[in-house]
Amino acid sequence: MKITSFGEVLWDDFPTGKKLGGAPLNVVTRLQSLGVDTSIISRIGDDEDGRTILKEVEQRKVPHTFIQTDPEQATSLVTVTLSDKGSASYEIVYPCAWDRIEATQEACERVAESDAFVFGSLATRDEVSRAALEKLLEHARFKIFDVNLRPPHYDYERIRHFLNKADVVKLNDCELYELAEAFGSPYHSLEQNIGFLVDNFDCRNLCITMGEHGAIFYDDGTFYYHGGYRVKVADTVGSGDNFLAGFIYKLMNNAPADETLSFACALGAMVASHHGANPEISLQDIQDFMYPA
């Protein structure tokens, strides 16, 4: 299996210090730890923060062949604030290096040979990276859109455009309700609003995360539900990204939909019980968590 992601690599700046982050990087970092051939197309600055990112990415065994270096823009640094319950909010500087990603020939070739191409909404905020993404999508076999609505770094027409390009869309329940309302949905329930998006966009598969309450997967006409796993939350940073990694891992291995959802919920919960987005978790750890002796 080959999975390639596109978008931001950055430092999450917590009150306790900096941690490597960025949703596209978090997803492929977890997939790499599960034995998947991964790569990420991104951009860093020609600075110490950027050089340290390359070292850390290398330590995690994620290839950085397609992480470009920008001569002008700085490596992204995001200020993270945690609530009393561990929920995170983000202050994201614009512009930064990953706003200037280029679609090189080598990157296009990597996307073309990948089983799935994962991209998010945040890295579409600038026209340079957005144009690169458009070119890369032309080469993608299977497209997974990770919606991350980070005010003020999105607009609804851009979201609409990329919803229509995706084979699978992942978003959380708050994002679902926001988009459904923005696009004119008259409905109130999750299921009705999922149906509204499906009916109005060229996408037959939506996965909706609901935090501690689990997730819903709409798979071409059928709803699958998982109630989530109860854990003591350390922080929620990267939990959704790891959920998506688990979801992709099972989906691309042709697992049944309910198994895919259960595995993804378990991985998201396990990460929420640790600090940071990339704690060490093995396949065996996930199995032991899901099926305790």
C-alpha atoms as a PDB file:
ATOM      1  CA  MET A   1       0.000   0.000   0.000  1.00  0.00           C
ATOM      2  CA  LYS A   2       1.252   3.476  -0.911  1.00  0.00           C
ATOM      3  CA  ILE A   3      -0.301   6.590   0.651  1.00  0.00           C
ATOM      4  CA  THR A   4       0.750  10.171  -0.101  1.00  0.00           C
ATOM      5  CA  SER A   5      -0.462  13.288   1.702  1.00  0.00           C
ATOM      6  CA  PHE A   6      -0.321  16.969   0.815  1.00  0.00           C
ATOM      7  CA  GLY A   7      -0.242  20.029   3.047  1.00  0.00           C
ATOM      8  CA  GLU A   8       1.137  21.547   6.191  1.00  0.00           C
ATOM      9  CA  VAL A   9       4.122  20.492   8.270  1.00  0.00           C
ATOM     10  CA  LEU A  10       4.666  22.688  11.297  1.00  0.00           C
ATOM     11  CA  TRP A  11       5.578  23.120  14.917  1.00  0.00           C
ATOM     12  CA  ASP A  12       2.712  23.120  17.409  1.00  0.00           C
ATOM     13  CA  ASP A  13       3.859  25.551  20.091  1.00  0.00           C
ATOM     14  CA  PHE A  14       2.378  24.415  23.420  1.00  0.00           C
ATOM     15  CA  PRO A  15       2.888  26.193  26.754  1.00  0.00           C
ATOM     16  CA  THR A  16       5.200  23.267  27.604  1.00  0.00           C
ATOM     17  CA  GLY A  17       7.216  23.474  24.369  1.00  0.00           C
ATOM     18  CA  LYS A  18       7.126  22.701  20.657  1.00  0.00           C
ATOM     19  CA  LYS A  19       5.909  19.448  19.112  1.00  0.00           C
ATOM     20  CA  LEU A  20       6.001  18.373  15.474  1.00  0.00           C
ATOM     21  CA  GLY A  21       2.594  18.580  13.825  1.00  0.00           C
ATOM     22  CA  GLY A  22       0.368  19.338  10.881  1.00  0.00           C
ATOM     23  CA  ALA A  23      -2.573  17.089   9.992  1.00  0.00           C
ATOM     24  CA  PRO A  24      -1.096  15.653   6.753  1.00  0.00           C
ATOM     25  CA  LEU A  25       2.134  14.794   8.557  1.00  0.00           C
ATOM     26  CA  ASN A  26       0.332  13.294  11.545  1.00  0.00           C
ATOM     27  CA  VAL A  27      -1.669  11.026   9.229  1.00  0.00           C
ATOM     28  CA  VAL A  28       1.334   9.643   7.337  1.00  0.00           C
ATOM     29  CA  THR A  29       3.432   9.375  10.517  1.00  0.00           C
ATOM     30  CA  ARG A  30       0.839   7.015  11.996  1.00  0.00           C
ATOM     31  CA  LEU A  31       0.411   5.090   8.744  1.00  0.00           C
ATOM     32  CA  GLN A  32       4.189   4.680   8.487  1.00  0.00           C
ATOM     33  CA  SER A  33       4.252   3.232  12.011  1.00  0.00           C
ATOM     34  CA  LEU A  34       1.639   0.694  10.840  1.00  0.00           C
ATOM     35  CA  GLY A  35       3.911  -0.464   8.022  1.00  0.00           C
ATOM     36  CA  VAL A  36       2.532   1.605   5.128  1.00  0.00           C
ATOM     37  CA  ASP A  37       4.729   3.104   2.384  1.00  0.00           C
ATOM     38  CA  THR A  38       4.053   6.819   2.933  1.00  0.00           C
ATOM     39  CA  SER A  39       5.240  10.176   1.690  1.00  0.00           C
ATOM     40  CA  ILE A  40       4.256  13.808   2.228  1.00  0.00           C
ATOM     41  CA  ILE A  41       4.358  16.739  -0.181  1.00  0.00           C
ATOM     42  CA  SER A  42       4.976  19.911   1.799  1.00  0.00           C
ATOM     43  CA  ARG A  43       7.342  22.846   2.290  1.00  0.00           C
ATOM     44  CA  ILE A  44       9.508  24.245   5.102  1.00  0.00           C
ATOM     45  CA  GLY A  45      11.587  27.388   5.497  1.00  0.00           C
ATOM     46  CA  ASP A  46      15.334  27.635   5.116  1.00  0.00           C
ATOM     47  CA  ASP A  47      15.723  28.009   8.869  1.00  0.00           C
ATOM     48  CA  GLU A  48      16.532  26.076  12.017  1.00  0.00           C
ATOM     49  CA  ASP A  49      12.895  25.112  12.625  1.00  0.00           C
ATOM     50  CA  GLY A  50      12.756  23.617   9.133  1.00  0.00           C
ATOM     51  CA  ARG A  51      15.990  21.693   9.482  1.00  0.00           C
ATOM     52  CA  THR A  52      14.812  20.275  12.800  1.00  0.00           C
ATOM     53  CA  ILE A  53      11.539  19.172  11.188  1.00  0.00           C
ATOM     54  CA  LEU A  54      13.507  17.184   8.602  1.00  0.00           C
ATOM     55  CA  LYS A  55      15.492  15.474  11.366  1.00  0.00           C
ATOM     56  CA  GLU A  56      12.357  14.559  13.306  1.00  0.00           C
ATOM     57  CA  VAL A  57      10.529  13.337  10.202  1.00  0.00           C
ATOM     58  CA  GLU A  58      13.531  11.159   9.399  1.00  0.00           C
ATOM     59  CA  GLN A  59      13.516   9.728  12.928  1.00  0.00           C
ATOM     60  CA  ARG A  60       9.900   8.718  12.383  1.00  0.00           C
ATOM     61  CA  LYS A  61      10.929   6.941   9.185  1.00  0.00           C
ATOM     62  CA  VAL A  62       8.639   9.079   7.014  1.00  0.00           C
ATOM     63  CA  PRO A  63      10.426   9.877   3.722  1.00  0.00           C
ATOM     64  CA  HIS A  64      10.977  13.617   3.264  1.00  0.00           C
ATOM     65  CA  THR A  65      11.917  13.500  -0.425  1.00  0.00           C
ATOM     66  CA  PHE A  66       8.986  15.771  -1.276  1.00  0.00           C
ATOM     67  CA  ILE A  67       9.340  18.263   1.573  1.00  0.00           C
ATOM     68  CA  GLN A  68      10.563  21.341  -0.272  1.00  0.00           C
ATOM     69  CA  THR A  69      12.594  24.258   1.136  1.00  0.00           C
ATOM     70  CA  ASP A  70      11.421  27.823   0.596  1.00  0.00           C
ATOM     71  CA  PRO A  71      14.100  30.542   0.369  1.00  0.00           C
ATOM     72  CA  GLU A  72      11.786  33.301   1.629  1.00  0.00           C
ATOM     73  CA  GLN A  73       8.932  32.058   3.813  1.00  0.00           C
ATOM     74  CA  ALA A  74       9.549  30.759   7.325  1.00  0.00           C
ATOM     75  CA  THR A  75       8.715  27.314   8.672  1.00  0.00           C
ATOM     76  CA  SER A  76       5.214  27.284  10.139  1.00  0.00           C
ATOM     77  CA  LEU A  77       4.819  27.810  13.879  1.00  0.00           C
ATOM     78  CA  VAL A  78       1.318  27.401  15.369  1.00  0.00           C
ATOM     79  CA  THR A  79       0.398  28.590  18.857  1.00  0.00           C
ATOM     80  CA  VAL A  80      -1.764  25.969  20.582  1.00  0.00           C
ATOM     81  CA  THR A  81      -4.056  26.803  23.498  1.00  0.00           C
ATOM     82  CA  LEU A  82      -5.653  23.991  25.505  1.00  0.00           C
ATOM     83  CA  SER A  83      -8.926  24.267  27.415  1.00  0.00           C
ATOM     84  CA  ASP A  84      -9.443  22.696  30.845  1.00  0.00           C
ATOM     85  CA  LYS A  85     -10.828  19.607  29.059  1.00  0.00           C
ATOM     86  CA  GLY A  86      -7.847  19.291  26.702  1.00  0.00           C
ATOM     87  CA  SER A  87      -9.572  20.708  23.609  1.00  0.00           C
ATOM     88  CA  ALA A  88      -7.188  22.655  21.408  1.00  0.00           C
ATOM     89  CA  SER A  89      -7.470  25.983  19.593  1.00  0.00           C
ATOM     90  CA  TYR A  90      -4.866  27.214  17.111  1.00  0.00           C
ATOM     91  CA  GLU A  91      -3.309  30.500  16.007  1.00  0.00           C
ATOM     92  CA  ILE A  92      -1.886  29.876  12.527  1.00  0.00           C
ATOM     93  CA  VAL A  93       0.425  32.471  10.974  1.00  0.00           C
ATOM     94  CA  TYR A  94      -0.064  33.428   7.313  1.00  0.00           C
ATOM     95  CA  PRO A  95       1.880  33.239   5.067  1.00  0.00           C
ATOM     96  CA  CYS A  96       4.416  30.516   5.758  1.00  0.00           C
ATOM     97  CA  ALA A  97       6.446  27.998   3.777  1.00  0.00           C
ATOM     98  CA  TRP A  98       3.641  25.476   3.205  1.00  0.00           C
ATOM     99  CA  ASP A  99       1.603  28.174   1.474  1.00  0.00           C
ATOM    100  CA  ARG A 100       4.132  27.937  -1.378  1.00  0.00           C
ATOM    101  CA  ILE A 101       4.138  24.198  -2.185  1.00  0.00           C
ATOM    102  CA  GLU A 102       4.989  23.336  -5.794  1.00  0.00           C
ATOM    103  CA  ALA A 103       3.698  20.406  -7.865  1.00  0.00           C
ATOM    104  CA  THR A 104       6.994  19.062  -9.170  1.00  0.00           C
ATOM    105  CA  GLN A 105       7.143  16.299 -11.765  1.00  0.00           C
ATOM    106  CA  GLU A 106       8.488  13.907  -9.133  1.00  0.00           C
ATOM    107  CA  ALA A 107       5.616  14.749  -6.784  1.00  0.00           C
ATOM    108  CA  CYS A 108       3.082  14.151  -9.568  1.00  0.00           C
ATOM    109  CA  GLU A 109       4.651  10.756 -10.255  1.00  0.00           C
ATOM    110  CA  ARG A 110       4.476   9.804  -6.572  1.00  0.00           C
ATOM    111  CA  VAL A 111       0.777  10.720  -6.436  1.00  0.00           C
ATOM    112  CA  ALA A 112       0.081   8.734  -9.616  1.00  0.00           C
ATOM    113  CA  GLU A 113       1.599   5.565  -8.155  1.00  0.00           C
ATOM    114  CA  SER A 114      -0.137   5.942  -4.765  1.00  0.00           C
ATOM    115  CA  ASP A 115      -3.201   3.933  -3.775  1.00  0.00           C
ATOM    116  CA  ALA A 116      -4.654   7.008  -2.059  1.00  0.00           C
ATOM    117  CA  PHE A 117      -3.909  10.732  -1.966  1.00  0.00           C
ATOM    118  CA  VAL A 118      -4.844  12.587   1.237  1.00  0.00           C
ATOM    119  CA  PHE A 119      -5.312  16.353   1.310  1.00  0.00           C
ATOM    120  CA  GLY A 120      -6.855  18.880   3.693  1.00  0.00           C
ATOM    121  CA  SER A 121      -8.599  22.219   3.481  1.00  0.00           C
ATOM    122  CA  LEU A 122      -6.038  24.291   5.408  1.00  0.00           C
ATOM    123  CA  ALA A 123      -3.352  24.096   2.733  1.00  0.00           C
ATOM    124  CA  THR A 124      -5.782  25.479   0.143  1.00  0.00           C
ATOM    125  CA  ARG A 125      -5.810  28.936   1.759  1.00  0.00           C
ATOM    126  CA  ASP A 126      -3.116  30.341  -0.570  1.00  0.00           C
ATOM    127  CA  GLU A 127      -3.390  30.312  -4.364  1.00  0.00           C
ATOM    128  CA  VAL A 128       0.155  28.913  -4.824  1.00  0.00           C
ATOM    129  CA  SER A 129      -0.352  25.713  -2.821  1.00  0.00           C
ATOM    130  CA  ARG A 130      -3.939  25.519  -4.085  1.00  0.00           C
ATOM    131  CA  ALA A 131      -2.736  25.492  -7.699  1.00  0.00           C
ATOM    132  CA  ALA A 132      -0.207  22.780  -6.843  1.00  0.00           C
ATOM    133  CA  LEU A 133      -2.951  20.684  -5.243  1.00  0.00           C
ATOM    134  CA  GLU A 134      -5.164  21.029  -8.307  1.00  0.00           C
ATOM    135  CA  LYS A 135      -2.357  19.705 -10.494  1.00  0.00           C
ATOM    136  CA  LEU A 136      -1.607  16.800  -8.158  1.00  0.00           C
ATOM    137  CA  LEU A 137      -5.282  15.813  -7.971  1.00  0.00           C
ATOM    138  CA  GLU A 138      -5.223  15.232 -11.730  1.00  0.00           C
ATOM    139  CA  HIS A 139      -2.846  12.320 -11.088  1.00  0.00           C
ATOM    140  CA  ALA A 140      -4.606  10.819  -8.036  1.00  0.00           C
ATOM    141  CA  ARG A 141      -6.365   7.446  -8.248  1.00  0.00           C
ATOM    142  CA  PHE A 142      -8.308   7.749  -4.979  1.00  0.00           C
ATOM    143  CA  LYS A 143      -8.777  11.088  -3.201  1.00  0.00           C
ATOM    144  CA  ILE A 144      -9.409  11.529   0.538  1.00  0.00           C
ATOM    145  CA  PHE A 145     -10.405  15.039   1.677  1.00  0.00           C
ATOM    146  CA  ASP A 146      -9.737  15.858   5.339  1.00  0.00           C
ATOM    147  CA  VAL A 147     -11.841  18.912   6.160  1.00  0.00           C
ATOM    148  CA  ASN A 148     -10.213  21.086   8.833  1.00  0.00           C
ATOM    149  CA  LEU A 149     -12.120  24.344   9.282  1.00  0.00           C
ATOM    150  CA  ARG A 150      -9.658  26.683  10.988  1.00  0.00           C
ATOM    151  CA  PRO A 151     -11.033  30.258  11.061  1.00  0.00           C
ATOM    152  CA  PRO A 152     -10.262  32.476   9.211  1.00  0.00           C
ATOM    153  CA  HIS A 153      -8.335  30.211   6.815  1.00  0.00           C
ATOM    154  CA  TYR A 154     -11.166  28.897   4.622  1.00  0.00           C
ATOM    155  CA  ASP A 155     -14.131  29.931   2.548  1.00  0.00           C
ATOM    156  CA  TYR A 156     -17.167  27.876   1.593  1.00  0.00           C
ATOM    157  CA  GLU A 157     -16.722  28.018  -2.160  1.00  0.00           C
ATOM    158  CA  ARG A 158     -13.252  26.482  -1.896  1.00  0.00           C
ATOM    159  CA  ILE A 159     -14.643  23.773   0.373  1.00  0.00           C
ATOM    160  CA  ARG A 160     -17.465  23.166  -2.114  1.00  0.00           C
ATOM    161  CA  HIS A 161     -14.939  22.818  -4.941  1.00  0.00           C
ATOM    162  CA  PHE A 162     -12.833  20.202  -3.180  1.00  0.00           C
ATOM    163  CA  LEU A 163     -15.825  18.265  -1.826  1.00  0.00           C
ATOM    164  CA  ASN A 164     -16.715  17.627  -5.449  1.00  0.00           C
ATOM    165  CA  LYS A 165     -13.253  16.221  -6.158  1.00  0.00           C
ATOM    166  CA  ALA A 166     -13.083  13.731  -3.278  1.00  0.00           C
ATOM    167  CA  ASP A 167     -13.868  10.010  -3.149  1.00  0.00           C
ATOM    168  CA  VAL A 168     -13.998  10.051   0.673  1.00  0.00           C
ATOM    169  CA  VAL A 169     -14.580  13.061   2.949  1.00  0.00           C
ATOM    170  CA  LYS A 170     -13.727  13.137   6.647  1.00  0.00           C
ATOM    171  CA  LEU A 171     -14.946  15.927   8.940  1.00  0.00           C
ATOM    172  CA  ASN A 172     -16.223  16.352  12.474  1.00  0.00           C
ATOM    173  CA  ASP A 173     -19.823  16.888  13.525  1.00  0.00           C
ATOM    174  CA  CYS A 174     -19.420  20.639  14.080  1.00  0.00           C
ATOM    175  CA  GLU A 175     -17.913  21.014  10.613  1.00  0.00           C
ATOM    176  CA  LEU A 176     -20.741  18.967   9.117  1.00  0.00           C
ATOM    177  CA  TYR A 177     -23.388  21.230  10.641  1.00  0.00           C
ATOM    178  CA  GLU A 178     -21.520  24.387   9.643  1.00  0.00           C
ATOM    179  CA  LEU A 179     -21.120  23.311   6.022  1.00  0.00           C
ATOM    180  CA  ALA A 180     -24.661  21.985   5.739  1.00  0.00           C
ATOM    181  CA  GLU A 181     -26.054  25.309   6.969  1.00  0.00           C
ATOM    182  CA  ALA A 182     -23.716  27.299   4.703  1.00  0.00           C
ATOM    183  CA  PHE A 183     -24.834  25.288   1.672  1.00  0.00           C
ATOM    184  CA  GLY A 184     -28.538  25.685   2.453  1.00  0.00           C
ATOM    185  CA  SER A 185     -29.559  22.534   4.297  1.00  0.00           C
ATOM    186  CA  PRO A 186     -33.008  22.749   5.947  1.00  0.00           C
ATOM    187  CA  TYR A 187     -32.252  19.753   8.204  1.00  0.00           C
ATOM    188  CA  HIS A 188     -31.264  19.306  11.850  1.00  0.00           C
ATOM    189  CA  SER A 189     -30.082  15.721  12.395  1.00  0.00           C
ATOM    190  CA  LEU A 190     -26.631  14.379  11.583  1.00  0.00           C
ATOM    191  CA  GLU A 191     -28.025  11.728   9.252  1.00  0.00           C
ATOM    192  CA  GLN A 192     -30.199  14.198   7.353  1.00  0.00           C
ATOM    193  CA  ASN A 193     -27.303  16.603   6.894  1.00  0.00           C
ATOM    194  CA  ILE A 194     -24.993  13.814   5.751  1.00  0.00           C
ATOM    195  CA  GLY A 195     -27.644  12.916   3.186  1.00  0.00           C
ATOM    196  CA  PHE A 196     -27.869  16.569   2.163  1.00  0.00           C
ATOM    197  CA  LEU A 197     -24.121  16.772   1.457  1.00  0.00           C
ATOM    198  CA  VAL A 198     -24.182  13.477  -0.426  1.00  0.00           C
ATOM    199  CA  ASP A 199     -27.105  14.632  -2.545  1.00  0.00           C
ATOM    200  CA  ASN A 200     -25.488  17.971  -3.343  1.00  0.00           C
ATOM    201  CA  PHE A 201     -21.871  16.929  -3.936  1.00  0.00           C
ATOM    202  CA  ASP A 202     -20.145  14.287  -6.010  1.00  0.00           C
ATOM    203  CA  CYS A 203     -19.107  12.173  -3.020  1.00  0.00           C
ATOM    204  CA  ARG A 204     -20.666   8.915  -1.858  1.00  0.00           C
ATOM    205  CA  ASN A 205     -18.582   8.294   1.264  1.00  0.00           C
ATOM    206  CA  LEU A 206     -18.482  10.544   4.335  1.00  0.00           C
ATOM    207  CA  CYS A 207     -16.943   9.875   7.734  1.00  0.00           C
ATOM    208  CA  ILE A 208     -18.055  12.093  10.620  1.00  0.00           C
ATOM    209  CA  THR A 209     -16.149  12.106  13.910  1.00  0.00           C
ATOM    210  CA  MET A 210     -17.974  13.046  17.112  1.00  0.00           C
ATOM    211  CA  GLY A 211     -15.206  13.233  19.718  1.00  0.00           C
ATOM    212  CA  GLU A 212     -15.868  11.041  22.732  1.00  0.00           C
ATOM    213  CA  HIS A 213     -19.153   9.928  21.157  1.00  0.00           C
ATOM    214  CA  GLY A 214     -17.474   7.996  18.345  1.00  0.00           C
ATOM    215  CA  ALA A 215     -18.086   8.320  14.622  1.00  0.00           C
ATOM    216  CA  ILE A 216     -20.463   7.685  11.726  1.00  0.00           C
ATOM    217  CA  PHE A 217     -19.432   6.317   8.338  1.00  0.00           C
ATOM    218  CA  TYR A 218     -21.797   6.780   5.418  1.00  0.00           C
ATOM    219  CA  ASP A 219     -20.707   4.239   2.822  1.00  0.00           C
ATOM    220  CA  ASP A 220     -22.598   4.598  -0.466  1.00  0.00           C
ATOM    221  CA  GLY A 221     -26.083   4.493   1.030  1.00  0.00           C
ATOM    222  CA  THR A 222     -25.464   2.682   4.326  1.00  0.00           C
ATOM    223  CA  PHE A 223     -24.816   4.218   7.756  1.00  0.00           C
ATOM    224  CA  TYR A 224     -22.321   2.578  10.139  1.00  0.00           C
ATOM    225  CA  TYR A 225     -21.976   3.725  13.746  1.00  0.00           C
ATOM    226  CA  HIS A 226     -19.438   3.374  16.546  1.00  0.00           C
ATOM    227  CA  GLY A 227     -20.013   4.821  20.012  1.00  0.00           C
ATOM    228  CA  GLY A 228     -16.347   5.492  20.729  1.00  0.00           C
ATOM    229  CA  TYR A 229     -14.035   4.364  23.519  1.00  0.00           C
ATOM    230  CA  ARG A 230     -13.941   5.983  26.937  1.00  0.00           C
ATOM    231  CA  VAL A 231     -10.484   7.241  27.922  1.00  0.00           C
ATOM    232  CA  LYS A 232      -9.018   9.889  30.214  1.00  0.00           C
ATOM    233  CA  VAL A 233      -8.184  12.703  27.800  1.00  0.00           C
ATOM    234  CA  ALA A 234      -4.723  14.256  28.007  1.00  0.00           C
ATOM    235  CA  ASP A 235      -5.290  16.476  24.964  1.00  0.00           C
ATOM    236  CA  THR A 236      -7.124  16.167  21.667  1.00  0.00           C
ATOM    237  CA  VAL A 237      -4.257  17.352  19.446  1.00  0.00           C
ATOM    238  CA  GLY A 238      -3.855  14.921  16.548  1.00  0.00           C
ATOM    239  CA  SER A 239      -6.660  12.633  17.685  1.00  0.00           C
ATOM    240  CA  GLY A 240      -8.703  13.249  14.549  1.00  0.00           C
ATOM    241  CA  ASP A 241      -5.616  12.840  12.361  1.00  0.00           C
ATOM    242  CA  ASN A 242      -4.864   9.473  13.919  1.00  0.00           C
ATOM    243  CA  PHE A 243      -8.506   8.467  13.562  1.00  0.00           C
ATOM    244  CA  LEU A 244      -8.151   9.225   9.854  1.00  0.00           C
ATOM    245  CA  ALA A 245      -4.917   7.223   9.632  1.00  0.00           C
ATOM    246  CA  GLY A 246      -6.625   4.220  11.201  1.00  0.00           C
ATOM    247  CA  PHE A 247      -9.607   4.682   8.921  1.00  0.00           C
ATOM    248  CA  ILE A 248      -7.402   4.798   5.816  1.00  0.00           C
ATOM    249  CA  TYR A 249      -5.370   1.804   6.974  1.00  0.00           C
ATOM    250  CA  LYS A 250      -8.438  -0.413   7.241  1.00  0.00           C
ATOM    251  CA  LEU A 251     -10.299   1.063   4.279  1.00  0.00           C
ATOM    252  CA  MET A 252      -7.395   0.514   1.894  1.00  0.00           C
ATOM    253  CA  ASN A 253      -6.975  -3.034   3.216  1.00  0.00           C
ATOM    254  CA  ASN A 254     -10.626  -3.688   2.246  1.00  0.00           C
ATOM    255  CA  ALA A 255     -11.775  -4.317   5.816  1.00  0.00           C
ATOM    256  CA  PRO A 256     -15.526  -4.332   6.513  1.00  0.00           C
ATOM    257  CA  ALA A 257     -16.933  -0.873   7.214  1.00  0.00           C
ATOM    258  CA  ASP A 258     -17.785  -1.582  10.866  1.00  0.00           C
ATOM    259  CA  GLU A 259     -14.275  -2.935  11.515  1.00  0.00           C
ATOM    260  CA  THR A 260     -12.770   0.098   9.806  1.00  0.00           C
ATOM    261  CA  LEU A 261     -14.751   2.454  12.016  1.00  0.00           C
ATOM    262  CA  SER A 262     -13.994   0.573  15.233  1.00  0.00           C
ATOM    263  CA  PHE A 263     -10.243   0.512  14.538  1.00  0.00           C
ATOM    264  CA  ALA A 264     -10.207   4.225  13.680  1.00  0.00           C
ATOM    265  CA  CYS A 265     -12.132   5.161  16.837  1.00  0.00           C
ATOM    266  CA  ALA A 266      -9.751   3.091  18.964  1.00  0.00           C
ATOM    267  CA  LEU A 267      -6.676   4.773  17.516  1.00  0.00           C
ATOM    268  CA  GLY A 268      -8.153   8.256  17.911  1.00  0.00           C
ATOM    269  CA  ALA A 269      -9.063   7.545  21.541  1.00  0.00           C
ATOM    270  CA  MET A 270      -5.640   6.112  22.353  1.00  0.00           C
ATOM    271  CA  VAL A 271      -3.922   9.226  21.008  1.00  0.00           C
ATOM    272  CA  ALA A 272      -6.287  11.486  22.990  1.00  0.00           C
ATOM    273  CA  SER A 273      -5.173   9.693  26.149  1.00  0.00           C
ATOM    274  CA  HIS A 274      -1.556  10.835  25.482  1.00  0.00           C
ATOM    275  CA  HIS A 275      -0.017  14.288  25.148  1.00  0.00           C
ATOM    276  CA  GLY A 276       0.779  15.293  21.564  1.00  0.00           C
ATOM    277  CA  ALA A 277      -0.211  13.912  18.195  1.00  0.00           C
ATOM    278  CA  ASN A 278       2.301  11.111  17.699  1.00  0.00           C
ATOM    279  CA  PRO A 279       2.731   8.840  20.734  1.00  0.00           C
ATOM    280  CA  GLU A 280       4.247   5.431  20.067  1.00  0.00           C
ATOM    281  CA  ILE A 281       1.398   2.993  19.446  1.00  0.00           C
ATOM    282  CA  SER A 282       1.806  -0.370  17.726  1.00  0.00           C
ATOM    283  CA  LEU A 283      -0.744  -2.552  15.954  1.00  0.00           C
ATOM    284  CA  GLN A 284      -0.576  -4.898  18.913  1.00  0.00           C
ATOM    285  CA  ASP A 285      -1.276  -1.998  21.290  1.00  0.00           C
ATOM    286  CA  ILE A 286      -4.410  -1.174  19.301  1.00  0.00           C
ATOM    287  CA  GLN A 287      -5.585  -4.783  19.344  1.00  0.00           C
ATOM    288  CA  ASP A 288      -4.986  -5.015  23.109  1.00  0.00           C
ATOM    289  CA  PHE A 289      -6.939  -1.779  23.625  1.00  0.00           C
ATOM    290  CA  MET A 290      -9.876  -2.965  21.505  1.00  0.00           C
ATOM    291  CA  TYR A 291      -9.954  -6.502  22.885  1.00  0.00           C
ATOM    292  CA  PRO A 292      -8.547  -6.466  26.446  1.00  0.00           C
ATOM    293  CA  ALA A 293      -7.801  -9.837  27.970  1.00  0.00           C
END
